[in-house]
Amino acid sequence: MNQSKHAMLSRTTKRYVGFCLLFLVAFVTGFAKLGDEMLEQELRVFDSAVIGWVQSGISPNLTSFMLFMTFLGSTWTLLTVAVVSACLMWWQKKRWEALFLLFALGGGVLFNLLLKWSYHRERPSFLRLVEEKGYSFPSGHSMASFILYGMLCIFLYMFVVSRAVKVTIVTLAVALIFLIGTSRIYLGVHYPSDVVAGYAAGGAWVAICLLGLRIVVEKRRL
């Protein structure tokens, strides 16, 4: 009985690993393509078109909203959300999930800095509503938000039972991540391709972290 149970879990884990690897390859491929096109100056048309559309509706109220969205993707906000979420997970006996959540965010931030220094892309010079320092590619706000809010979305999706709640969680997470990335374009501190690259890099890192989490949890069960 135990052997069949272990075998079943192993097959489930293999499928899980397969999906993680599939998403990892897709995100890495997408990021690599964006990086190559950025270095070859092939993203100007795309960036200009999106920037023009996003900044065409600038207004005081919209600017306040976008500043709030950027705040939700800031380092201190993400760190606070991560620590509070990890403490709640630990209290609910989801200790490995809590540890991997903190590891994912911390490692993702360092990974983003490494990528920025690798590509050395200067920030855009178009209309800028706030000032930011450092390199531009990929967007740190977009990448870190994708990692933290994406992993929280996945964990909550697995923890809750109600289908309606699951749909609500996914919808809110996608909207939040999208708006944080859009706010960086609106405020003039990132090119659209920076934001998309941040999502791709964040997705790849999430796939790696979830893969590691599954393997650790599976081994401890056997």
N, C-alpha and C. Protein backbone atom coordinates (compact mmCIF):
# COMPACT_ATOMS: atom_id res chain seq x y z
N MET A 1 0.83 -1.21 0.00
CA MET A 1 0.00 0.00 0.00
C MET A 1 0.86 1.25 0.00
N ASN A 2 1.86 1.29 0.91
CA ASN A 2 2.75 2.43 0.97
C ASN A 2 3.56 2.58 -0.29
N GLN A 3 3.99 1.43 -0.84
CA GLN A 3 4.78 1.49 -2.06
C GLN A 3 3.97 2.08 -3.20
N SER A 4 2.69 1.67 -3.33
CA SER A 4 1.87 2.22 -4.40
C SER A 4 1.63 3.70 -4.20
N LYS A 5 1.48 4.09 -2.94
CA LYS A 5 1.28 5.50 -2.64
C LYS A 5 2.50 6.31 -3.04
N HIS A 6 3.67 5.79 -2.69
CA HIS A 6 4.90 6.47 -3.04
C HIS A 6 5.07 6.54 -4.55
N ALA A 7 4.70 5.45 -5.23
CA ALA A 7 4.83 5.43 -6.69
C ALA A 7 3.91 6.46 -7.31
N MET A 8 2.66 6.57 -6.75
CA MET A 8 1.72 7.52 -7.28
C MET A 8 2.25 8.95 -7.12
N LEU A 9 2.79 9.24 -5.93
CA LEU A 9 3.36 10.54 -5.69
C LEU A 9 4.52 10.82 -6.62
N SER A 10 5.31 9.84 -6.88
CA SER A 10 6.45 10.01 -7.78
C SER A 10 5.99 10.35 -9.19
N ARG A 11 4.94 9.69 -9.67
CA ARG A 11 4.42 10.00 -11.00
C ARG A 11 3.85 11.41 -11.05
N THR A 12 3.15 11.78 -9.96
CA THR A 12 2.60 13.13 -9.89
C THR A 12 3.71 14.17 -9.90
N THR A 13 4.74 13.88 -9.15
CA THR A 13 5.87 14.80 -9.10
C THR A 13 6.57 14.91 -10.45
N LYS A 14 6.67 13.80 -11.15
CA LYS A 14 7.29 13.84 -12.47
C LYS A 14 6.50 14.74 -13.42
N ARG A 15 5.18 14.65 -13.36
CA ARG A 15 4.36 15.53 -14.20
C ARG A 15 4.54 16.98 -13.79
N TYR A 16 4.60 17.22 -12.49
CA TYR A 16 4.81 18.57 -11.97
C TYR A 16 6.15 19.13 -12.45
N VAL A 17 7.18 18.29 -12.35
CA VAL A 17 8.51 18.70 -12.81
C VAL A 17 8.49 19.00 -14.31
N GLY A 18 7.76 18.18 -15.05
CA GLY A 18 7.66 18.40 -16.49
C GLY A 18 7.05 19.75 -16.82
N PHE A 19 5.97 20.11 -16.12
CA PHE A 19 5.33 21.40 -16.36
C PHE A 19 6.26 22.55 -15.96
N CYS A 20 6.95 22.41 -14.82
CA CYS A 20 7.88 23.45 -14.39
C CYS A 20 8.99 23.66 -15.41
N LEU A 21 9.53 22.56 -15.93
CA LEU A 21 10.59 22.67 -16.93
C LEU A 21 10.08 23.28 -18.23
N LEU A 22 8.85 22.96 -18.58
CA LEU A 22 8.25 23.54 -19.79
C LEU A 22 8.12 25.05 -19.66
N PHE A 23 7.60 25.50 -18.53
CA PHE A 23 7.47 26.93 -18.30
C PHE A 23 8.84 27.60 -18.19
N LEU A 24 9.79 26.92 -17.56
CA LEU A 24 11.13 27.46 -17.43
C LEU A 24 11.76 27.71 -18.79
N VAL A 25 11.66 26.74 -19.68
CA VAL A 25 12.22 26.88 -21.02
C VAL A 25 11.53 28.02 -21.76
N ALA A 26 10.20 28.11 -21.63
CA ALA A 26 9.45 29.17 -22.33
C ALA A 26 9.87 30.55 -21.83
N PHE A 27 9.97 30.72 -20.52
CA PHE A 27 10.34 32.02 -19.97
C PHE A 27 11.79 32.38 -20.30
N VAL A 28 12.68 31.42 -20.20
CA VAL A 28 14.08 31.68 -20.52
C VAL A 28 14.25 32.04 -21.99
N THR A 29 13.56 31.32 -22.86
CA THR A 29 13.62 31.61 -24.30
C THR A 29 13.10 33.01 -24.59
N GLY A 30 11.97 33.36 -23.96
CA GLY A 30 11.40 34.69 -24.16
C GLY A 30 12.33 35.78 -23.68
N PHE A 31 12.95 35.58 -22.54
CA PHE A 31 13.86 36.59 -22.01
C PHE A 31 15.09 36.72 -22.91
N ALA A 32 15.64 35.60 -23.33
CA ALA A 32 16.83 35.63 -24.18
C ALA A 32 16.54 36.37 -25.50
N LYS A 33 15.37 36.15 -26.06
CA LYS A 33 15.00 36.81 -27.31
C LYS A 33 14.88 38.32 -27.10
N LEU A 34 14.25 38.71 -26.01
CA LEU A 34 14.14 40.14 -25.70
C LEU A 34 15.51 40.77 -25.48
N GLY A 35 16.37 40.05 -24.77
CA GLY A 35 17.72 40.57 -24.52
C GLY A 35 18.49 40.78 -25.81
N ASP A 36 18.42 39.81 -26.72
CA ASP A 36 19.11 39.94 -28.00
C ASP A 36 18.57 41.10 -28.82
N GLU A 37 17.24 41.22 -28.87
CA GLU A 37 16.63 42.30 -29.66
C GLU A 37 16.92 43.66 -29.05
N MET A 38 17.00 43.71 -27.71
CA MET A 38 17.33 44.97 -27.06
C MET A 38 18.75 45.41 -27.41
N LEU A 39 19.69 44.47 -27.35
CA LEU A 39 21.08 44.79 -27.67
C LEU A 39 21.25 45.19 -29.14
N GLU A 40 20.41 44.65 -30.00
CA GLU A 40 20.48 44.96 -31.42
C GLU A 40 19.58 46.13 -31.82
N GLN A 41 19.04 46.81 -30.82
CA GLN A 41 18.20 47.99 -31.05
C GLN A 41 16.98 47.70 -31.92
N GLU A 42 16.37 46.53 -31.72
CA GLU A 42 15.21 46.14 -32.52
C GLU A 42 13.89 46.31 -31.78
N LEU A 43 13.92 46.91 -30.61
CA LEU A 43 12.71 47.06 -29.82
C LEU A 43 12.17 48.49 -29.81
N ARG A 44 12.76 49.37 -30.60
CA ARG A 44 12.37 50.78 -30.56
C ARG A 44 10.93 51.01 -30.97
N VAL A 45 10.50 50.35 -32.04
CA VAL A 45 9.12 50.54 -32.51
C VAL A 45 8.12 50.07 -31.46
N PHE A 46 8.37 48.88 -30.93
CA PHE A 46 7.49 48.32 -29.89
C PHE A 46 7.45 49.23 -28.67
N ASP A 47 8.62 49.62 -28.18
CA ASP A 47 8.68 50.46 -26.99
C ASP A 47 7.99 51.81 -27.21
N SER A 48 8.25 52.42 -28.35
CA SER A 48 7.67 53.74 -28.63
C SER A 48 6.15 53.68 -28.72
N ALA A 49 5.64 52.63 -29.36
CA ALA A 49 4.19 52.49 -29.52
C ALA A 49 3.50 52.32 -28.17
N VAL A 50 4.05 51.46 -27.35
CA VAL A 50 3.44 51.20 -26.05
C VAL A 50 3.56 52.42 -25.13
N ILE A 51 4.72 53.06 -25.15
CA ILE A 51 4.91 54.26 -24.33
C ILE A 51 3.91 55.34 -24.71
N GLY A 52 3.75 55.55 -26.01
CA GLY A 52 2.80 56.57 -26.48
C GLY A 52 1.39 56.29 -26.02
N TRP A 53 1.01 55.01 -26.04
CA TRP A 53 -0.35 54.64 -25.63
C TRP A 53 -0.53 54.79 -24.12
N VAL A 54 0.44 54.31 -23.34
CA VAL A 54 0.32 54.35 -21.88
C VAL A 54 0.35 55.78 -21.36
N GLN A 55 1.22 56.62 -21.92
CA GLN A 55 1.35 57.98 -21.41
C GLN A 55 0.39 58.98 -22.05
N SER A 56 -0.45 58.49 -22.96
CA SER A 56 -1.38 59.40 -23.63
C SER A 56 -2.48 59.90 -22.70
N GLY A 57 -2.74 59.18 -21.62
CA GLY A 57 -3.82 59.57 -20.71
C GLY A 57 -3.35 60.12 -19.39
N ILE A 58 -2.18 60.73 -19.35
CA ILE A 58 -1.64 61.25 -18.09
C ILE A 58 -2.58 62.28 -17.47
N SER A 59 -2.85 62.09 -16.18
CA SER A 59 -3.70 63.01 -15.43
C SER A 59 -3.31 62.90 -13.96
N PRO A 60 -3.65 63.91 -13.16
CA PRO A 60 -3.29 63.86 -11.73
C PRO A 60 -3.84 62.62 -11.01
N ASN A 61 -5.11 62.29 -11.27
CA ASN A 61 -5.70 61.14 -10.59
C ASN A 61 -5.05 59.83 -11.02
N LEU A 62 -4.79 59.70 -12.32
CA LEU A 62 -4.16 58.48 -12.82
C LEU A 62 -2.73 58.37 -12.31
N THR A 63 -2.05 59.50 -12.22
CA THR A 63 -0.68 59.50 -11.69
C THR A 63 -0.66 59.03 -10.24
N SER A 64 -1.62 59.48 -9.44
CA SER A 64 -1.70 59.04 -8.05
C SER A 64 -1.93 57.53 -7.97
N PHE A 65 -2.79 57.03 -8.84
CA PHE A 65 -3.07 55.59 -8.86
C PHE A 65 -1.82 54.81 -9.25
N MET A 66 -1.10 55.27 -10.27
CA MET A 66 0.10 54.58 -10.73
C MET A 66 1.22 54.64 -9.69
N LEU A 67 1.29 55.73 -8.95
CA LEU A 67 2.27 55.82 -7.87
C LEU A 67 1.95 54.79 -6.78
N PHE A 68 0.67 54.58 -6.53
CA PHE A 68 0.27 53.57 -5.55
C PHE A 68 0.62 52.17 -6.05
N MET A 69 0.41 51.92 -7.34
CA MET A 69 0.75 50.61 -7.92
C MET A 69 2.26 50.37 -7.82
N THR A 70 3.04 51.40 -8.11
CA THR A 70 4.50 51.27 -8.01
C THR A 70 4.90 51.02 -6.56
N PHE A 71 4.20 51.66 -5.62
CA PHE A 71 4.46 51.42 -4.19
C PHE A 71 4.23 49.96 -3.83
N LEU A 72 3.20 49.33 -4.40
CA LEU A 72 2.92 47.92 -4.12
C LEU A 72 4.00 47.00 -4.67
N GLY A 73 4.81 47.51 -5.60
CA GLY A 73 5.90 46.72 -6.16
C GLY A 73 7.26 47.14 -5.66
N SER A 74 7.28 48.04 -4.67
CA SER A 74 8.56 48.53 -4.13
C SER A 74 9.20 47.49 -3.22
N THR A 75 10.49 47.66 -3.00
CA THR A 75 11.25 46.68 -2.21
C THR A 75 10.68 46.50 -0.82
N TRP A 76 10.41 47.61 -0.12
CA TRP A 76 9.95 47.50 1.26
C TRP A 76 8.55 46.92 1.35
N THR A 77 7.69 47.25 0.39
CA THR A 77 6.34 46.68 0.40
C THR A 77 6.40 45.17 0.15
N LEU A 78 7.18 44.76 -0.84
CA LEU A 78 7.30 43.34 -1.15
C LEU A 78 7.92 42.58 0.02
N LEU A 79 8.92 43.17 0.65
CA LEU A 79 9.56 42.52 1.80
C LEU A 79 8.57 42.35 2.95
N THR A 80 7.77 43.39 3.19
CA THR A 80 6.77 43.32 4.26
C THR A 80 5.74 42.23 3.97
N VAL A 81 5.23 42.22 2.74
CA VAL A 81 4.24 41.22 2.35
C VAL A 81 4.83 39.81 2.46
N ALA A 82 6.09 39.67 2.03
CA ALA A 82 6.74 38.35 2.07
C ALA A 82 6.91 37.86 3.50
N VAL A 83 7.37 38.72 4.39
CA VAL A 83 7.60 38.32 5.78
C VAL A 83 6.28 37.98 6.48
N VAL A 84 5.26 38.82 6.29
CA VAL A 84 3.96 38.56 6.91
C VAL A 84 3.37 37.26 6.37
N SER A 85 3.46 37.06 5.05
CA SER A 85 2.92 35.84 4.44
C SER A 85 3.67 34.61 4.92
N ALA A 86 4.99 34.72 5.02
CA ALA A 86 5.80 33.59 5.49
C ALA A 86 5.46 33.24 6.93
N CYS A 87 5.23 34.25 7.76
CA CYS A 87 4.86 33.98 9.16
C CYS A 87 3.51 33.27 9.24
N LEU A 88 2.56 33.69 8.43
CA LEU A 88 1.25 33.05 8.42
C LEU A 88 1.36 31.61 7.92
N MET A 89 2.20 31.38 6.89
CA MET A 89 2.40 30.03 6.38
C MET A 89 3.05 29.14 7.46
N TRP A 90 4.02 29.70 8.15
CA TRP A 90 4.70 28.94 9.20
C TRP A 90 3.71 28.55 10.30
N TRP A 91 2.85 29.49 10.65
CA TRP A 91 1.82 29.23 11.66
C TRP A 91 0.85 28.14 11.21
N GLN A 92 0.60 28.09 9.89
CA GLN A 92 -0.30 27.07 9.34
C GLN A 92 0.45 25.78 8.96
N LYS A 93 1.66 25.62 9.47
CA LYS A 93 2.47 24.42 9.24
C LYS A 93 2.91 24.26 7.79
N LYS A 94 2.91 25.35 7.02
CA LYS A 94 3.41 25.33 5.65
C LYS A 94 4.84 25.90 5.66
N ARG A 95 5.72 25.19 6.37
CA ARG A 95 7.04 25.77 6.65
C ARG A 95 7.94 25.80 5.44
N TRP A 96 7.91 24.75 4.62
CA TRP A 96 8.76 24.76 3.43
C TRP A 96 8.28 25.81 2.44
N GLU A 97 6.96 25.98 2.32
CA GLU A 97 6.42 27.03 1.45
C GLU A 97 6.88 28.41 1.93
N ALA A 98 6.88 28.60 3.25
CA ALA A 98 7.31 29.89 3.81
C ALA A 98 8.78 30.16 3.50
N LEU A 99 9.62 29.15 3.69
CA LEU A 99 11.05 29.31 3.43
C LEU A 99 11.32 29.58 1.95
N PHE A 100 10.63 28.85 1.09
CA PHE A 100 10.86 29.04 -0.34
C PHE A 100 10.32 30.38 -0.83
N LEU A 101 9.28 30.90 -0.19
CA LEU A 101 8.77 32.21 -0.56
C LEU A 101 9.81 33.28 -0.28
N LEU A 102 10.42 33.23 0.90
CA LEU A 102 11.46 34.20 1.25
C LEU A 102 12.68 34.02 0.37
N PHE A 103 13.06 32.77 0.12
CA PHE A 103 14.20 32.50 -0.74
C PHE A 103 13.94 33.01 -2.15
N ALA A 104 12.73 32.81 -2.65
CA ALA A 104 12.39 33.23 -4.01
C ALA A 104 12.52 34.74 -4.16
N LEU A 105 11.99 35.49 -3.19
CA LEU A 105 12.06 36.95 -3.29
C LEU A 105 13.49 37.44 -3.16
N GLY A 106 14.21 36.96 -2.13
CA GLY A 106 15.59 37.40 -1.93
C GLY A 106 16.48 37.03 -3.10
N GLY A 107 16.38 35.78 -3.55
CA GLY A 107 17.18 35.36 -4.69
C GLY A 107 16.79 36.08 -5.96
N GLY A 108 15.50 36.36 -6.11
CA GLY A 108 15.04 37.06 -7.30
C GLY A 108 15.58 38.48 -7.39
N VAL A 109 15.65 39.16 -6.25
CA VAL A 109 16.21 40.52 -6.23
C VAL A 109 17.68 40.51 -6.64
N LEU A 110 18.44 39.57 -6.10
CA LEU A 110 19.86 39.46 -6.46
C LEU A 110 20.03 39.08 -7.93
N PHE A 111 19.17 38.19 -8.41
CA PHE A 111 19.19 37.78 -9.81
C PHE A 111 18.90 38.97 -10.72
N ASN A 112 17.96 39.81 -10.31
CA ASN A 112 17.63 41.00 -11.10
C ASN A 112 18.81 41.96 -11.20
N LEU A 113 19.49 42.16 -10.07
CA LEU A 113 20.65 43.05 -10.08
C LEU A 113 21.74 42.51 -11.01
N LEU A 114 21.93 41.19 -11.00
CA LEU A 114 22.92 40.57 -11.87
C LEU A 114 22.55 40.79 -13.34
N LEU A 115 21.29 40.63 -13.66
CA LEU A 115 20.85 40.83 -15.04
C LEU A 115 21.01 42.29 -15.46
N LYS A 116 20.66 43.21 -14.59
CA LYS A 116 20.80 44.63 -14.90
C LYS A 116 22.25 44.97 -15.23
N TRP A 117 23.17 44.47 -14.42
CA TRP A 117 24.57 44.76 -14.65
C TRP A 117 25.11 44.03 -15.88
N SER A 118 24.47 42.96 -16.26
CA SER A 118 24.90 42.23 -17.45
C SER A 118 24.53 42.97 -18.73
N TYR A 119 23.37 43.64 -18.73
CA TYR A 119 22.89 44.30 -19.95
C TYR A 119 23.19 45.80 -19.99
N HIS A 120 23.36 46.43 -18.84
CA HIS A 120 23.75 47.85 -18.79
C HIS A 120 22.85 48.76 -19.63
N ARG A 121 21.58 48.55 -19.61
CA ARG A 121 20.69 49.43 -20.38
C ARG A 121 20.32 50.65 -19.55
N GLU A 122 20.55 51.83 -20.14
CA GLU A 122 20.20 53.07 -19.45
C GLU A 122 18.70 53.25 -19.41
N ARG A 123 18.22 53.95 -18.41
CA ARG A 123 16.78 54.19 -18.30
C ARG A 123 16.31 55.12 -19.42
N PRO A 124 15.03 55.07 -19.76
CA PRO A 124 14.51 55.88 -20.88
C PRO A 124 14.61 57.38 -20.59
N SER A 125 14.65 58.15 -21.65
CA SER A 125 14.77 59.60 -21.53
C SER A 125 13.47 60.32 -21.88
N PHE A 126 12.37 59.58 -22.10
CA PHE A 126 11.10 60.22 -22.41
C PHE A 126 10.49 60.81 -21.14
N LEU A 127 9.28 61.34 -21.23
CA LEU A 127 8.63 62.01 -20.11
C LEU A 127 8.72 61.17 -18.84
N ARG A 128 9.37 61.72 -17.81
CA ARG A 128 9.58 60.98 -16.57
C ARG A 128 8.89 61.72 -15.43
N LEU A 129 7.99 61.01 -14.74
CA LEU A 129 7.22 61.61 -13.66
C LEU A 129 7.88 61.41 -12.31
N VAL A 130 8.77 60.43 -12.20
CA VAL A 130 9.56 60.21 -11.00
C VAL A 130 10.99 59.90 -11.43
N GLU A 131 11.91 59.97 -10.48
CA GLU A 131 13.31 59.70 -10.79
C GLU A 131 13.72 58.36 -10.18
N GLU A 132 14.48 57.59 -10.94
CA GLU A 132 15.01 56.32 -10.49
C GLU A 132 16.48 56.21 -10.89
N LYS A 133 17.26 55.52 -10.10
CA LYS A 133 18.66 55.29 -10.41
C LYS A 133 18.87 53.85 -10.85
N GLY A 134 20.03 53.58 -11.40
CA GLY A 134 20.36 52.22 -11.78
C GLY A 134 19.97 51.90 -13.21
N TYR A 135 20.32 50.70 -13.64
CA TYR A 135 20.03 50.27 -15.00
C TYR A 135 18.57 49.85 -15.14
N SER A 136 18.16 49.68 -16.39
CA SER A 136 16.75 49.55 -16.70
C SER A 136 16.27 48.14 -17.02
N PHE A 137 17.12 47.32 -17.59
CA PHE A 137 16.70 46.02 -18.15
C PHE A 137 17.25 44.86 -17.32
N PRO A 138 16.37 44.00 -16.79
CA PRO A 138 14.91 44.03 -16.79
C PRO A 138 14.37 44.83 -15.61
N SER A 139 13.08 45.17 -15.65
CA SER A 139 12.45 45.93 -14.58
C SER A 139 12.44 45.14 -13.27
N GLY A 140 13.01 45.75 -12.24
CA GLY A 140 13.05 45.09 -10.93
C GLY A 140 11.68 44.98 -10.30
N HIS A 141 10.87 46.06 -10.42
CA HIS A 141 9.51 46.03 -9.88
C HIS A 141 8.70 44.90 -10.52
N SER A 142 8.78 44.80 -11.83
CA SER A 142 8.00 43.79 -12.56
C SER A 142 8.46 42.39 -12.19
N MET A 143 9.75 42.18 -12.13
CA MET A 143 10.29 40.86 -11.84
C MET A 143 9.97 40.43 -10.41
N ALA A 144 10.24 41.31 -9.45
CA ALA A 144 10.01 40.95 -8.05
C ALA A 144 8.52 40.78 -7.76
N SER A 145 7.67 41.60 -8.37
CA SER A 145 6.23 41.48 -8.17
C SER A 145 5.71 40.17 -8.75
N PHE A 146 6.22 39.82 -9.92
CA PHE A 146 5.82 38.55 -10.53
C PHE A 146 6.21 37.39 -9.61
N ILE A 147 7.39 37.46 -9.04
CA ILE A 147 7.87 36.38 -8.17
C ILE A 147 7.02 36.27 -6.91
N LEU A 148 6.89 37.37 -6.17
CA LEU A 148 6.19 37.30 -4.89
C LEU A 148 4.69 37.08 -5.06
N TYR A 149 4.04 37.95 -5.80
CA TYR A 149 2.59 37.83 -5.95
C TYR A 149 2.22 36.59 -6.77
N GLY A 150 3.10 36.20 -7.69
CA GLY A 150 2.85 34.99 -8.45
C GLY A 150 2.91 33.75 -7.58
N MET A 151 3.92 33.67 -6.71
CA MET A 151 4.03 32.51 -5.82
C MET A 151 2.92 32.49 -4.78
N LEU A 152 2.55 33.65 -4.26
CA LEU A 152 1.44 33.70 -3.31
C LEU A 152 0.15 33.24 -3.97
N CYS A 153 -0.03 33.65 -5.23
CA CYS A 153 -1.21 33.22 -5.99
C CYS A 153 -1.24 31.70 -6.13
N ILE A 154 -0.11 31.13 -6.47
CA ILE A 154 -0.03 29.67 -6.65
C ILE A 154 -0.29 28.94 -5.34
N PHE A 155 0.31 29.42 -4.25
CA PHE A 155 0.12 28.79 -2.95
C PHE A 155 -1.34 28.87 -2.51
N LEU A 156 -1.95 30.07 -2.63
CA LEU A 156 -3.34 30.23 -2.24
C LEU A 156 -4.26 29.38 -3.11
N TYR A 157 -3.93 29.29 -4.38
CA TYR A 157 -4.72 28.46 -5.30
C TYR A 157 -4.71 27.00 -4.84
N MET A 158 -3.57 26.55 -4.36
CA MET A 158 -3.47 25.17 -3.88
C MET A 158 -4.14 24.96 -2.53
N PHE A 159 -4.14 26.01 -1.68
CA PHE A 159 -4.65 25.87 -0.33
C PHE A 159 -6.17 25.94 -0.25
N VAL A 160 -6.80 26.80 -1.08
CA VAL A 160 -8.25 26.99 -0.98
C VAL A 160 -8.99 25.92 -1.79
N VAL A 161 -10.25 25.72 -1.43
CA VAL A 161 -11.06 24.68 -2.07
C VAL A 161 -12.04 25.27 -3.08
N SER A 162 -12.65 26.39 -2.74
CA SER A 162 -13.68 27.00 -3.57
C SER A 162 -13.16 27.41 -4.94
N ARG A 163 -13.84 26.98 -5.99
CA ARG A 163 -13.44 27.34 -7.35
C ARG A 163 -13.58 28.85 -7.58
N ALA A 164 -14.64 29.44 -7.04
CA ALA A 164 -14.85 30.87 -7.20
C ALA A 164 -13.71 31.67 -6.56
N VAL A 165 -13.28 31.22 -5.39
CA VAL A 165 -12.17 31.89 -4.71
C VAL A 165 -10.88 31.73 -5.51
N LYS A 166 -10.66 30.56 -6.07
CA LYS A 166 -9.47 30.32 -6.90
C LYS A 166 -9.43 31.29 -8.08
N VAL A 167 -10.57 31.43 -8.78
CA VAL A 167 -10.65 32.33 -9.93
C VAL A 167 -10.39 33.77 -9.50
N THR A 168 -10.95 34.16 -8.35
CA THR A 168 -10.75 35.52 -7.83
C THR A 168 -9.28 35.77 -7.52
N ILE A 169 -8.64 34.82 -6.90
CA ILE A 169 -7.22 34.95 -6.54
C ILE A 169 -6.36 35.14 -7.78
N VAL A 170 -6.57 34.30 -8.78
CA VAL A 170 -5.78 34.39 -10.01
C VAL A 170 -6.03 35.72 -10.72
N THR A 171 -7.29 36.14 -10.79
CA THR A 171 -7.63 37.39 -11.47
C THR A 171 -6.98 38.58 -10.78
N LEU A 172 -7.05 38.63 -9.46
CA LEU A 172 -6.45 39.73 -8.72
C LEU A 172 -4.94 39.75 -8.86
N ALA A 173 -4.32 38.58 -8.81
CA ALA A 173 -2.86 38.51 -8.92
C ALA A 173 -2.39 38.97 -10.30
N VAL A 174 -3.07 38.51 -11.34
CA VAL A 174 -2.70 38.91 -12.71
C VAL A 174 -2.88 40.42 -12.89
N ALA A 175 -4.00 40.96 -12.40
CA ALA A 175 -4.26 42.39 -12.52
C ALA A 175 -3.21 43.21 -11.76
N LEU A 176 -2.87 42.76 -10.55
CA LEU A 176 -1.89 43.48 -9.74
C LEU A 176 -0.52 43.50 -10.41
N ILE A 177 -0.07 42.34 -10.87
CA ILE A 177 1.24 42.26 -11.52
C ILE A 177 1.26 43.10 -12.79
N PHE A 178 0.19 43.05 -13.56
CA PHE A 178 0.11 43.84 -14.80
C PHE A 178 0.14 45.34 -14.50
N LEU A 179 -0.61 45.77 -13.51
CA LEU A 179 -0.68 47.20 -13.20
C LEU A 179 0.63 47.72 -12.63
N ILE A 180 1.33 46.90 -11.85
CA ILE A 180 2.63 47.33 -11.33
C ILE A 180 3.60 47.55 -12.48
N GLY A 181 3.62 46.62 -13.44
CA GLY A 181 4.48 46.78 -14.60
C GLY A 181 4.09 47.99 -15.43
N THR A 182 2.79 48.19 -15.63
CA THR A 182 2.31 49.33 -16.41
C THR A 182 2.66 50.65 -15.73
N SER A 183 2.63 50.67 -14.41
CA SER A 183 2.96 51.90 -13.68
C SER A 183 4.39 52.34 -13.94
N ARG A 184 5.28 51.39 -14.16
CA ARG A 184 6.69 51.74 -14.41
C ARG A 184 6.85 52.41 -15.77
N ILE A 185 6.03 51.99 -16.73
CA ILE A 185 6.04 52.63 -18.05
C ILE A 185 5.40 54.00 -17.96
N TYR A 186 4.25 54.08 -17.31
CA TYR A 186 3.52 55.34 -17.16
C TYR A 186 4.38 56.41 -16.50
N LEU A 187 5.11 56.03 -15.46
CA LEU A 187 5.92 56.98 -14.71
C LEU A 187 7.22 57.34 -15.42
N GLY A 188 7.51 56.65 -16.53
CA GLY A 188 8.65 57.01 -17.36
C GLY A 188 9.99 56.48 -16.91
N VAL A 189 9.99 55.44 -16.09
CA VAL A 189 11.26 54.92 -15.57
C VAL A 189 11.67 53.60 -16.21
N HIS A 190 10.80 53.05 -17.08
CA HIS A 190 11.13 51.80 -17.76
C HIS A 190 10.55 51.77 -19.16
N TYR A 191 11.27 51.12 -20.05
CA TYR A 191 10.72 50.79 -21.36
C TYR A 191 9.75 49.62 -21.20
N PRO A 192 8.76 49.51 -22.07
CA PRO A 192 7.87 48.35 -22.03
C PRO A 192 8.62 47.02 -22.12
N SER A 193 9.67 46.98 -22.93
CA SER A 193 10.45 45.75 -23.05
C SER A 193 11.16 45.40 -21.75
N ASP A 194 11.48 46.40 -20.92
CA ASP A 194 12.04 46.14 -19.59
C ASP A 194 11.03 45.38 -18.73
N VAL A 195 9.78 45.82 -18.83
CA VAL A 195 8.71 45.22 -18.02
C VAL A 195 8.45 43.78 -18.46
N VAL A 196 8.33 43.57 -19.77
CA VAL A 196 8.09 42.23 -20.28
C VAL A 196 9.25 41.30 -19.92
N ALA A 197 10.47 41.82 -20.04
CA ALA A 197 11.64 41.02 -19.68
C ALA A 197 11.64 40.70 -18.18
N GLY A 198 11.16 41.64 -17.37
CA GLY A 198 11.04 41.39 -15.92
C GLY A 198 10.07 40.27 -15.63
N TYR A 199 8.96 40.26 -16.36
CA TYR A 199 7.99 39.17 -16.20
C TYR A 199 8.61 37.83 -16.61
N ALA A 200 9.34 37.83 -17.72
CA ALA A 200 9.95 36.59 -18.22
C ALA A 200 10.99 36.06 -17.24
N ALA A 201 11.85 36.95 -16.74
CA ALA A 201 12.88 36.53 -15.78
C ALA A 201 12.23 36.09 -14.47
N GLY A 202 11.19 36.80 -14.04
CA GLY A 202 10.49 36.42 -12.83
C GLY A 202 9.81 35.07 -12.97
N GLY A 203 9.21 34.84 -14.14
CA GLY A 203 8.57 33.56 -14.38
C GLY A 203 9.55 32.40 -14.35
N ALA A 204 10.72 32.62 -14.94
CA ALA A 204 11.75 31.58 -14.93
C ALA A 204 12.20 31.27 -13.50
N TRP A 205 12.38 32.32 -12.70
CA TRP A 205 12.82 32.12 -11.32
C TRP A 205 11.74 31.42 -10.49
N VAL A 206 10.48 31.77 -10.72
CA VAL A 206 9.38 31.11 -10.01
C VAL A 206 9.36 29.62 -10.36
N ALA A 207 9.54 29.29 -11.64
CA ALA A 207 9.55 27.89 -12.06
C ALA A 207 10.66 27.11 -11.36
N ILE A 208 11.82 27.73 -11.24
CA ILE A 208 12.95 27.08 -10.56
C ILE A 208 12.63 26.86 -9.08
N CYS A 209 12.08 27.88 -8.43
CA CYS A 209 11.78 27.78 -6.99
C CYS A 209 10.69 26.75 -6.72
N LEU A 210 9.64 26.75 -7.54
CA LEU A 210 8.56 25.77 -7.35
C LEU A 210 9.05 24.35 -7.61
N LEU A 211 9.96 24.23 -8.57
CA LEU A 211 10.55 22.92 -8.85
C LEU A 211 11.34 22.43 -7.64
N GLY A 212 12.15 23.30 -7.07
CA GLY A 212 12.92 22.93 -5.89
C GLY A 212 12.04 22.61 -4.71
N LEU A 213 10.98 23.40 -4.51
CA LEU A 213 10.06 23.17 -3.40
C LEU A 213 9.39 21.81 -3.52
N ARG A 214 8.93 21.47 -4.72
CA ARG A 214 8.24 20.19 -4.92
C ARG A 214 9.16 19.01 -4.62
N ILE A 215 10.40 19.12 -5.10
CA ILE A 215 11.36 18.02 -4.90
C ILE A 215 11.68 17.84 -3.42
N VAL A 216 11.87 18.96 -2.69
CA VAL A 216 12.17 18.88 -1.26
C VAL A 216 11.00 18.29 -0.48
N VAL A 217 9.79 18.79 -0.75
CA VAL A 217 8.61 18.29 -0.04
C VAL A 217 8.38 16.81 -0.36
N GLU A 218 8.57 16.42 -1.62
CA GLU A 218 8.36 15.02 -2.02
C GLU A 218 9.35 14.09 -1.31
N LYS A 219 10.60 14.51 -1.25
CA LYS A 219 11.62 13.67 -0.60
C LYS A 219 11.35 13.50 0.88
N ARG A 220 10.83 14.54 1.52
CA ARG A 220 10.56 14.46 2.95
C ARG A 220 9.34 13.58 3.24
N ARG A 221 8.49 13.39 2.27
CA ARG A 221 7.32 12.53 2.46
C ARG A 221 7.66 11.06 2.31
N LEU A 222 8.67 10.77 1.50
CA LEU A 222 9.01 9.37 1.21
C LEU A 222 9.78 8.73 2.37
